[in-house]
N, C-alpha and C. Protein backbone atom coordinates (compact mmCIF):
# COMPACT_ATOMS: atom_id res chain seq x y z
N UNK A 1 19.50 31.44 -0.35
CA UNK A 1 19.29 31.33 -1.78
C UNK A 1 20.64 31.33 -2.49
N UNK A 2 20.84 30.35 -3.33
CA UNK A 2 22.10 30.22 -4.08
C UNK A 2 21.92 30.91 -5.43
N UNK A 3 22.69 31.95 -5.68
CA UNK A 3 22.55 32.66 -6.95
C UNK A 3 23.87 32.82 -7.71
N UNK A 4 24.97 32.96 -7.00
CA UNK A 4 26.25 33.24 -7.65
C UNK A 4 26.80 32.01 -8.36
N UNK A 5 26.75 30.85 -7.72
CA UNK A 5 27.33 29.64 -8.30
C UNK A 5 26.73 29.30 -9.66
N UNK A 6 25.41 29.28 -9.82
CA UNK A 6 24.86 29.00 -11.15
C UNK A 6 25.27 30.03 -12.20
N UNK A 7 25.40 31.29 -11.78
CA UNK A 7 25.83 32.33 -12.71
C UNK A 7 27.27 32.07 -13.16
N UNK A 8 28.15 31.71 -12.22
CA UNK A 8 29.54 31.40 -12.57
C UNK A 8 29.60 30.20 -13.52
N UNK A 9 28.80 29.18 -13.24
CA UNK A 9 28.78 27.99 -14.11
C UNK A 9 28.31 28.38 -15.51
N UNK A 10 27.28 29.20 -15.59
CA UNK A 10 26.77 29.64 -16.89
C UNK A 10 27.84 30.45 -17.65
N UNK A 11 28.53 31.34 -16.96
CA UNK A 11 29.59 32.12 -17.61
C UNK A 11 30.70 31.22 -18.14
N UNK A 12 31.06 30.20 -17.38
CA UNK A 12 32.07 29.25 -17.85
C UNK A 12 31.60 28.52 -19.09
N UNK A 13 30.35 28.08 -19.09
CA UNK A 13 29.80 27.38 -20.25
C UNK A 13 29.76 28.29 -21.47
N UNK A 14 29.30 29.52 -21.30
CA UNK A 14 29.22 30.45 -22.43
C UNK A 14 30.61 30.77 -22.99
N UNK A 15 31.58 30.97 -22.11
CA UNK A 15 32.94 31.26 -22.58
C UNK A 15 33.51 30.04 -23.31
N UNK A 16 33.23 28.85 -22.80
CA UNK A 16 33.70 27.65 -23.47
C UNK A 16 33.10 27.56 -24.87
N UNK A 17 31.81 27.75 -24.99
CA UNK A 17 31.16 27.68 -26.30
C UNK A 17 31.69 28.75 -27.25
N UNK A 18 31.99 29.93 -26.72
CA UNK A 18 32.51 31.03 -27.53
C UNK A 18 33.93 30.75 -28.05
N UNK A 19 34.72 30.05 -27.25
CA UNK A 19 36.15 29.88 -27.61
C UNK A 19 36.55 28.47 -28.03
N UNK A 20 35.64 27.50 -27.95
CA UNK A 20 36.04 26.10 -28.03
C UNK A 20 36.78 25.70 -29.31
N UNK A 21 36.51 26.29 -30.43
CA UNK A 21 37.17 25.87 -31.67
C UNK A 21 38.12 26.93 -32.22
N UNK A 22 38.60 27.82 -31.36
CA UNK A 22 39.42 28.92 -31.84
C UNK A 22 40.73 28.99 -31.06
N UNK A 23 41.81 28.62 -31.72
CA UNK A 23 43.14 28.73 -31.12
C UNK A 23 43.45 30.20 -30.79
N UNK A 24 43.04 31.09 -31.70
CA UNK A 24 43.30 32.52 -31.49
C UNK A 24 42.59 33.03 -30.23
N UNK A 25 41.33 32.64 -30.03
CA UNK A 25 40.60 33.08 -28.84
C UNK A 25 41.21 32.50 -27.57
N UNK A 26 41.73 31.28 -27.66
CA UNK A 26 42.41 30.70 -26.50
C UNK A 26 43.65 31.51 -26.14
N UNK A 27 44.36 32.00 -27.14
CA UNK A 27 45.53 32.83 -26.87
C UNK A 27 45.13 34.21 -26.34
N UNK A 28 44.03 34.73 -26.80
CA UNK A 28 43.58 36.05 -26.37
C UNK A 28 43.05 36.02 -24.94
N UNK A 29 42.29 34.96 -24.58
CA UNK A 29 41.62 34.93 -23.29
C UNK A 29 42.28 34.02 -22.25
N UNK A 30 43.12 33.09 -22.69
CA UNK A 30 43.88 32.29 -21.74
C UNK A 30 45.01 33.14 -21.17
N UNK A 31 45.73 32.61 -20.20
CA UNK A 31 46.83 33.37 -19.60
C UNK A 31 48.15 32.90 -20.19
N UNK A 32 48.86 33.81 -20.82
CA UNK A 32 50.12 33.48 -21.49
C UNK A 32 50.97 34.74 -21.56
N UNK A 33 52.08 34.67 -22.25
CA UNK A 33 53.00 35.80 -22.29
C UNK A 33 52.43 37.04 -22.99
N UNK A 34 51.32 36.88 -23.72
CA UNK A 34 50.69 38.03 -24.34
C UNK A 34 50.11 38.99 -23.30
N UNK A 35 49.92 38.49 -22.11
CA UNK A 35 49.42 39.32 -21.00
C UNK A 35 50.25 40.59 -20.87
N UNK A 36 51.55 40.46 -20.90
CA UNK A 36 52.45 41.62 -20.79
C UNK A 36 52.89 42.10 -22.17
N UNK A 37 53.28 41.16 -23.05
CA UNK A 37 53.82 41.54 -24.36
C UNK A 37 52.85 42.37 -25.19
N UNK A 38 51.59 41.99 -25.17
CA UNK A 38 50.58 42.69 -25.99
C UNK A 38 49.56 43.46 -25.14
N UNK A 39 49.84 43.56 -23.84
CA UNK A 39 48.96 44.30 -22.92
C UNK A 39 47.55 43.70 -22.86
N UNK A 40 47.47 42.38 -22.84
CA UNK A 40 46.18 41.69 -22.71
C UNK A 40 45.86 41.55 -21.22
N UNK A 41 45.58 42.68 -20.60
CA UNK A 41 45.47 42.75 -19.15
C UNK A 41 44.21 42.07 -18.59
N UNK A 42 43.32 41.66 -19.43
CA UNK A 42 42.12 40.93 -19.00
C UNK A 42 42.40 39.46 -18.73
N UNK A 43 43.52 38.95 -19.20
CA UNK A 43 43.80 37.52 -19.13
C UNK A 43 43.74 36.92 -17.71
N UNK A 44 44.25 37.58 -16.67
CA UNK A 44 44.15 36.96 -15.34
C UNK A 44 42.71 36.70 -14.90
N UNK A 45 41.76 37.44 -15.45
CA UNK A 45 40.35 37.20 -15.14
C UNK A 45 39.74 36.20 -16.13
N UNK A 46 39.95 36.41 -17.41
CA UNK A 46 39.27 35.57 -18.40
C UNK A 46 39.77 34.13 -18.41
N UNK A 47 41.02 33.91 -18.01
CA UNK A 47 41.54 32.55 -17.99
C UNK A 47 40.73 31.64 -17.07
N UNK A 48 40.11 32.22 -16.04
CA UNK A 48 39.31 31.44 -15.09
C UNK A 48 38.04 30.89 -15.72
N UNK A 49 37.65 31.43 -16.86
CA UNK A 49 36.42 31.01 -17.53
C UNK A 49 36.71 30.20 -18.79
N UNK A 50 37.98 29.91 -19.02
CA UNK A 50 38.40 29.14 -20.20
C UNK A 50 38.59 27.68 -19.83
N UNK A 51 38.36 26.79 -20.79
CA UNK A 51 38.60 25.36 -20.57
C UNK A 51 39.08 24.71 -21.86
N UNK A 52 39.93 23.72 -21.71
CA UNK A 52 40.55 23.08 -22.87
C UNK A 52 39.59 22.20 -23.65
N UNK A 53 38.66 21.53 -22.95
CA UNK A 53 37.73 20.61 -23.61
C UNK A 53 36.52 20.38 -22.71
N UNK A 54 35.59 19.58 -23.21
CA UNK A 54 34.36 19.32 -22.45
C UNK A 54 34.64 18.65 -21.11
N UNK A 55 35.57 17.71 -21.10
CA UNK A 55 35.90 17.00 -19.85
C UNK A 55 36.44 17.97 -18.81
N UNK A 56 37.34 18.83 -19.23
CA UNK A 56 37.92 19.84 -18.36
C UNK A 56 36.82 20.74 -17.79
N UNK A 57 35.94 21.21 -18.67
CA UNK A 57 34.83 22.06 -18.24
C UNK A 57 33.92 21.32 -17.26
N UNK A 58 33.53 20.11 -17.60
CA UNK A 58 32.60 19.36 -16.75
C UNK A 58 33.19 19.10 -15.37
N UNK A 59 34.46 18.69 -15.32
CA UNK A 59 35.09 18.41 -14.02
C UNK A 59 35.15 19.67 -13.16
N UNK A 60 35.58 20.77 -13.76
CA UNK A 60 35.68 22.01 -12.99
C UNK A 60 34.31 22.51 -12.54
N UNK A 61 33.31 22.39 -13.39
CA UNK A 61 31.98 22.88 -13.02
C UNK A 61 31.33 21.99 -11.96
N UNK A 62 31.63 20.71 -11.97
CA UNK A 62 31.13 19.82 -10.91
C UNK A 62 31.72 20.23 -9.56
N UNK A 63 33.01 20.54 -9.55
CA UNK A 63 33.66 20.99 -8.31
C UNK A 63 33.14 22.36 -7.91
N UNK A 64 32.96 23.26 -8.88
CA UNK A 64 32.42 24.58 -8.57
C UNK A 64 31.03 24.46 -7.96
N UNK A 65 30.21 23.60 -8.52
CA UNK A 65 28.86 23.42 -7.97
C UNK A 65 28.94 22.91 -6.53
N UNK A 66 29.76 21.88 -6.32
CA UNK A 66 29.86 21.27 -4.99
C UNK A 66 30.37 22.27 -3.95
N UNK A 67 31.51 22.87 -4.20
CA UNK A 67 32.12 23.75 -3.22
C UNK A 67 31.54 25.16 -3.25
N UNK A 68 31.13 25.62 -4.42
CA UNK A 68 30.56 26.95 -4.52
C UNK A 68 29.27 27.07 -3.73
N UNK A 69 28.41 26.09 -3.87
CA UNK A 69 27.15 26.11 -3.12
C UNK A 69 27.42 26.10 -1.63
N UNK A 70 28.36 25.26 -1.20
CA UNK A 70 28.68 25.20 0.23
C UNK A 70 29.25 26.53 0.74
N UNK A 71 30.14 27.12 -0.01
CA UNK A 71 30.74 28.39 0.43
C UNK A 71 29.72 29.52 0.39
N UNK A 72 28.90 29.52 -0.64
CA UNK A 72 27.87 30.56 -0.72
C UNK A 72 26.94 30.48 0.48
N UNK A 73 26.60 29.26 0.89
CA UNK A 73 25.76 29.08 2.09
C UNK A 73 26.53 29.44 3.36
N UNK A 74 27.80 29.00 3.44
CA UNK A 74 28.61 29.23 4.64
C UNK A 74 28.77 30.73 4.90
N UNK A 75 29.05 31.47 3.86
CA UNK A 75 29.25 32.91 4.01
C UNK A 75 27.94 33.65 4.19
N UNK A 76 26.88 33.11 3.59
CA UNK A 76 25.58 33.78 3.60
C UNK A 76 25.70 35.23 3.12
N UNK A 77 26.65 35.44 2.22
CA UNK A 77 26.87 36.76 1.65
C UNK A 77 27.37 36.57 0.22
N UNK A 78 26.50 36.81 -0.73
CA UNK A 78 26.80 36.51 -2.12
C UNK A 78 27.97 37.32 -2.67
N UNK A 79 28.02 38.59 -2.33
CA UNK A 79 29.09 39.45 -2.83
C UNK A 79 30.44 39.01 -2.25
N UNK A 80 30.47 38.66 -0.98
CA UNK A 80 31.72 38.21 -0.36
C UNK A 80 32.22 36.93 -1.04
N UNK A 81 31.31 35.99 -1.29
CA UNK A 81 31.67 34.75 -1.98
C UNK A 81 32.21 35.06 -3.37
N UNK A 82 31.51 35.91 -4.11
CA UNK A 82 31.96 36.26 -5.46
C UNK A 82 33.34 36.91 -5.42
N UNK A 83 33.57 37.77 -4.46
CA UNK A 83 34.88 38.43 -4.34
C UNK A 83 35.98 37.43 -3.99
N UNK A 84 35.69 36.49 -3.09
CA UNK A 84 36.69 35.47 -2.76
C UNK A 84 37.04 34.67 -4.01
N UNK A 85 36.03 34.27 -4.76
CA UNK A 85 36.26 33.47 -5.96
C UNK A 85 37.02 34.27 -7.02
N UNK A 86 36.52 35.46 -7.35
CA UNK A 86 37.14 36.24 -8.43
C UNK A 86 38.48 36.84 -8.04
N UNK A 87 38.55 37.49 -6.89
CA UNK A 87 39.82 38.10 -6.47
C UNK A 87 40.85 37.01 -6.21
N UNK A 88 40.44 35.94 -5.51
CA UNK A 88 41.36 34.82 -5.29
C UNK A 88 41.83 34.22 -6.60
N UNK A 89 40.91 34.08 -7.56
CA UNK A 89 41.27 33.53 -8.87
C UNK A 89 42.21 34.44 -9.64
N UNK A 90 41.97 35.74 -9.60
CA UNK A 90 42.84 36.69 -10.31
C UNK A 90 44.23 36.72 -9.67
N UNK A 91 44.29 36.75 -8.35
CA UNK A 91 45.60 36.74 -7.69
C UNK A 91 46.33 35.43 -7.99
N UNK A 92 45.61 34.32 -7.98
CA UNK A 92 46.21 33.04 -8.36
C UNK A 92 46.76 33.12 -9.78
N UNK A 93 46.00 33.72 -10.69
CA UNK A 93 46.45 33.87 -12.07
C UNK A 93 47.72 34.72 -12.16
N UNK A 94 47.75 35.81 -11.42
CA UNK A 94 48.92 36.70 -11.46
C UNK A 94 50.18 35.99 -10.95
N UNK A 95 50.03 35.26 -9.86
CA UNK A 95 51.20 34.53 -9.33
C UNK A 95 51.57 33.40 -10.28
N UNK A 96 50.57 32.74 -10.87
CA UNK A 96 50.83 31.68 -11.85
C UNK A 96 51.53 32.26 -13.08
N UNK A 97 51.16 33.48 -13.47
CA UNK A 97 51.82 34.12 -14.60
C UNK A 97 53.32 34.27 -14.32
N UNK A 98 53.64 34.66 -13.11
CA UNK A 98 55.06 34.76 -12.76
C UNK A 98 55.75 33.42 -12.99
N UNK A 99 55.10 32.34 -12.56
CA UNK A 99 55.69 31.00 -12.74
C UNK A 99 55.84 30.68 -14.23
N UNK A 100 54.77 30.83 -15.00
CA UNK A 100 54.87 30.42 -16.41
C UNK A 100 55.81 31.33 -17.20
N UNK A 101 55.87 32.61 -16.85
CA UNK A 101 56.77 33.50 -17.59
C UNK A 101 58.23 33.17 -17.35
N UNK A 102 58.54 32.58 -16.20
CA UNK A 102 59.92 32.23 -15.89
C UNK A 102 60.27 30.78 -16.20
N UNK A 103 59.32 29.88 -16.06
CA UNK A 103 59.64 28.45 -16.14
C UNK A 103 58.92 27.70 -17.26
N UNK A 104 57.86 28.28 -17.82
CA UNK A 104 57.11 27.59 -18.87
C UNK A 104 56.51 28.63 -19.82
N UNK A 105 57.37 29.38 -20.54
CA UNK A 105 56.88 30.52 -21.34
C UNK A 105 55.96 30.14 -22.50
N UNK A 106 55.93 28.89 -22.90
CA UNK A 106 55.04 28.47 -23.99
C UNK A 106 53.66 28.04 -23.49
N UNK A 107 53.41 28.19 -22.20
CA UNK A 107 52.16 27.76 -21.60
C UNK A 107 51.04 28.74 -21.89
N UNK A 108 49.86 28.21 -22.16
CA UNK A 108 48.63 28.98 -22.22
C UNK A 108 47.72 28.41 -21.14
N UNK A 109 47.64 29.10 -20.03
CA UNK A 109 46.92 28.61 -18.86
C UNK A 109 45.43 28.86 -19.03
N UNK A 110 44.64 27.79 -18.92
CA UNK A 110 43.19 27.91 -18.99
C UNK A 110 42.56 27.06 -17.90
N UNK A 111 41.42 27.51 -17.40
CA UNK A 111 40.67 26.72 -16.44
C UNK A 111 40.35 27.46 -15.16
N UNK A 112 39.35 26.94 -14.49
CA UNK A 112 38.88 27.52 -13.24
C UNK A 112 39.58 26.91 -12.03
N UNK A 113 40.52 26.01 -12.25
CA UNK A 113 41.12 25.26 -11.14
C UNK A 113 41.78 26.14 -10.09
N UNK A 114 42.43 27.21 -10.49
CA UNK A 114 43.06 28.09 -9.51
C UNK A 114 42.03 28.72 -8.59
N UNK A 115 40.94 29.23 -9.17
CA UNK A 115 39.88 29.84 -8.36
C UNK A 115 39.18 28.78 -7.52
N UNK A 116 39.01 27.58 -8.08
CA UNK A 116 38.39 26.49 -7.32
C UNK A 116 39.27 26.08 -6.15
N UNK A 117 40.56 26.11 -6.36
CA UNK A 117 41.49 25.76 -5.28
C UNK A 117 41.41 26.77 -4.15
N UNK A 118 41.06 28.01 -4.47
CA UNK A 118 40.82 29.00 -3.42
C UNK A 118 39.69 28.52 -2.51
N UNK A 119 38.64 27.97 -3.12
CA UNK A 119 37.53 27.44 -2.32
C UNK A 119 37.97 26.26 -1.46
N UNK A 120 38.81 25.37 -2.03
CA UNK A 120 39.35 24.25 -1.25
C UNK A 120 40.11 24.77 -0.03
N UNK A 121 40.97 25.77 -0.27
CA UNK A 121 41.76 26.33 0.82
C UNK A 121 40.90 26.98 1.89
N UNK A 122 39.84 27.67 1.45
CA UNK A 122 38.90 28.29 2.40
C UNK A 122 38.34 27.23 3.33
N UNK A 123 37.84 26.15 2.74
CA UNK A 123 37.22 25.10 3.56
C UNK A 123 38.25 24.39 4.43
N UNK A 124 39.45 24.20 3.92
CA UNK A 124 40.48 23.53 4.72
C UNK A 124 40.81 24.35 5.96
N UNK A 125 40.79 25.66 5.83
CA UNK A 125 41.05 26.51 6.98
C UNK A 125 39.86 26.55 7.93
N UNK A 126 38.68 26.70 7.39
CA UNK A 126 37.49 26.92 8.20
C UNK A 126 36.89 25.65 8.82
N UNK A 127 37.18 24.51 8.23
CA UNK A 127 36.56 23.27 8.70
C UNK A 127 37.63 22.22 8.98
N UNK A 128 38.14 22.22 10.20
CA UNK A 128 39.24 21.31 10.56
C UNK A 128 38.93 19.83 10.31
N UNK A 129 37.67 19.44 10.42
CA UNK A 129 37.31 18.04 10.18
C UNK A 129 37.52 17.63 8.72
N UNK A 130 37.46 18.59 7.81
CA UNK A 130 37.64 18.31 6.38
C UNK A 130 39.07 18.56 5.90
N UNK A 131 39.87 19.17 6.75
CA UNK A 131 41.20 19.64 6.34
C UNK A 131 42.07 18.56 5.71
N UNK A 132 42.20 17.43 6.37
CA UNK A 132 43.07 16.37 5.85
C UNK A 132 42.63 15.89 4.48
N UNK A 133 41.33 15.68 4.32
CA UNK A 133 40.80 15.22 3.04
C UNK A 133 40.99 16.24 1.94
N UNK A 134 40.84 17.52 2.28
CA UNK A 134 41.02 18.57 1.28
C UNK A 134 42.48 18.72 0.87
N UNK A 135 43.37 18.56 1.82
CA UNK A 135 44.80 18.63 1.49
C UNK A 135 45.18 17.46 0.58
N UNK A 136 44.70 16.27 0.92
CA UNK A 136 44.96 15.11 0.06
C UNK A 136 44.35 15.34 -1.32
N UNK A 137 43.13 15.87 -1.37
CA UNK A 137 42.46 16.12 -2.65
C UNK A 137 43.25 17.10 -3.52
N UNK A 138 43.72 18.19 -2.93
CA UNK A 138 44.44 19.17 -3.73
C UNK A 138 45.76 18.59 -4.23
N UNK A 139 46.39 17.76 -3.43
CA UNK A 139 47.63 17.12 -3.88
C UNK A 139 47.35 16.12 -5.00
N UNK A 140 46.27 15.36 -4.86
CA UNK A 140 45.91 14.38 -5.90
C UNK A 140 45.57 15.07 -7.22
N UNK A 141 44.72 16.11 -7.18
CA UNK A 141 44.35 16.75 -8.43
C UNK A 141 45.49 17.57 -9.03
N UNK A 142 46.49 17.85 -8.22
CA UNK A 142 47.65 18.60 -8.71
C UNK A 142 48.71 17.70 -9.33
N UNK A 143 48.91 16.53 -8.74
CA UNK A 143 50.05 15.71 -9.17
C UNK A 143 49.70 14.38 -9.82
N UNK A 144 48.57 13.79 -9.50
CA UNK A 144 48.20 12.51 -10.12
C UNK A 144 48.08 12.62 -11.64
N UNK A 145 47.43 13.67 -12.17
CA UNK A 145 47.37 13.78 -13.63
C UNK A 145 48.76 13.84 -14.28
N UNK A 146 49.71 14.50 -13.61
CA UNK A 146 51.07 14.56 -14.16
C UNK A 146 51.68 13.18 -14.28
N UNK A 147 51.43 12.33 -13.28
CA UNK A 147 51.93 10.96 -13.33
C UNK A 147 51.29 10.16 -14.46
N UNK A 148 50.09 10.57 -14.86
CA UNK A 148 49.38 9.90 -15.95
C UNK A 148 49.66 10.56 -17.30
N UNK A 149 50.55 11.55 -17.32
CA UNK A 149 50.92 12.22 -18.56
C UNK A 149 49.96 13.32 -18.98
N UNK A 150 49.11 13.76 -18.07
CA UNK A 150 48.15 14.82 -18.37
C UNK A 150 48.71 16.12 -17.79
N UNK A 151 48.82 17.13 -18.64
CA UNK A 151 49.39 18.40 -18.22
C UNK A 151 48.35 19.20 -17.43
N UNK A 152 48.67 19.51 -16.19
CA UNK A 152 47.80 20.36 -15.36
C UNK A 152 48.65 21.45 -14.72
N UNK A 153 48.01 22.52 -14.37
CA UNK A 153 48.69 23.64 -13.73
C UNK A 153 48.75 23.40 -12.22
N UNK A 154 49.59 22.49 -11.82
CA UNK A 154 49.72 22.12 -10.41
C UNK A 154 50.05 23.33 -9.55
N UNK A 155 50.85 24.24 -10.10
CA UNK A 155 51.25 25.44 -9.36
C UNK A 155 50.04 26.33 -9.09
N UNK A 156 49.10 26.43 -10.03
CA UNK A 156 47.89 27.23 -9.81
C UNK A 156 47.03 26.60 -8.72
N UNK A 157 46.98 25.27 -8.68
CA UNK A 157 46.22 24.59 -7.63
C UNK A 157 46.80 24.93 -6.25
N UNK A 158 48.10 24.81 -6.13
CA UNK A 158 48.74 25.05 -4.84
C UNK A 158 48.67 26.52 -4.42
N UNK A 159 48.87 27.40 -5.39
CA UNK A 159 48.77 28.84 -5.10
C UNK A 159 47.35 29.19 -4.65
N UNK A 160 46.36 28.72 -5.40
CA UNK A 160 44.97 28.99 -5.05
C UNK A 160 44.60 28.45 -3.68
N UNK A 161 45.06 27.23 -3.39
CA UNK A 161 44.78 26.63 -2.09
C UNK A 161 45.36 27.49 -0.97
N UNK A 162 46.60 27.94 -1.15
CA UNK A 162 47.23 28.79 -0.13
C UNK A 162 46.50 30.11 0.04
N UNK A 163 46.08 30.71 -1.07
CA UNK A 163 45.33 31.97 -0.98
C UNK A 163 43.98 31.76 -0.31
N UNK A 164 43.33 30.65 -0.62
CA UNK A 164 42.05 30.35 0.01
C UNK A 164 42.20 30.13 1.50
N UNK A 165 43.29 29.46 1.87
CA UNK A 165 43.59 29.25 3.30
C UNK A 165 43.71 30.60 4.00
N UNK A 166 44.46 31.51 3.39
CA UNK A 166 44.63 32.85 3.97
C UNK A 166 43.30 33.60 4.03
N UNK A 167 42.51 33.49 2.98
CA UNK A 167 41.20 34.15 2.97
C UNK A 167 40.33 33.59 4.10
N UNK A 168 40.36 32.28 4.31
CA UNK A 168 39.58 31.68 5.38
C UNK A 168 40.04 32.16 6.74
N UNK A 169 41.30 32.45 6.86
CA UNK A 169 41.85 32.94 8.13
C UNK A 169 41.46 34.40 8.39
N UNK A 170 41.55 35.24 7.34
CA UNK A 170 41.35 36.67 7.53
C UNK A 170 39.91 37.14 7.34
N UNK A 171 39.10 36.39 6.59
CA UNK A 171 37.73 36.85 6.31
C UNK A 171 36.76 36.12 7.21
């Protein structure tokens, strides 16, 4: 029975609706320098449920549905899946914060891509037949938008993928 993935999708949708027209809410719940400056310690978690626009939300939720359902079935343990997604996403956010605080301090990081990349990394480790395609996919979603002039958190994708790979190895 798949229960966690629809709940995560619903939480993403609700957070998007709550924050979609508020620059202030994006600064409060996205990941940015306020994390340390103003002690907004919830940001590494809440940023995973934030999205810049409907397209961003739809693309991430389509990937979450596809890979989340597969991982939830593969693990056959809902709590373990939720922990991989949330803990992997938070750790991805924390490492991404290090990057943005040093190299892109005006960034407000939003989106589920880092946590989703954890799922990509999990599958790349656990399913050798899919590994090549998943590596190509993570590289494409990380760098192709940049070539098209679309700003994406490529570093969060790569960090999440690496963390997911490690999770697949150790869990």
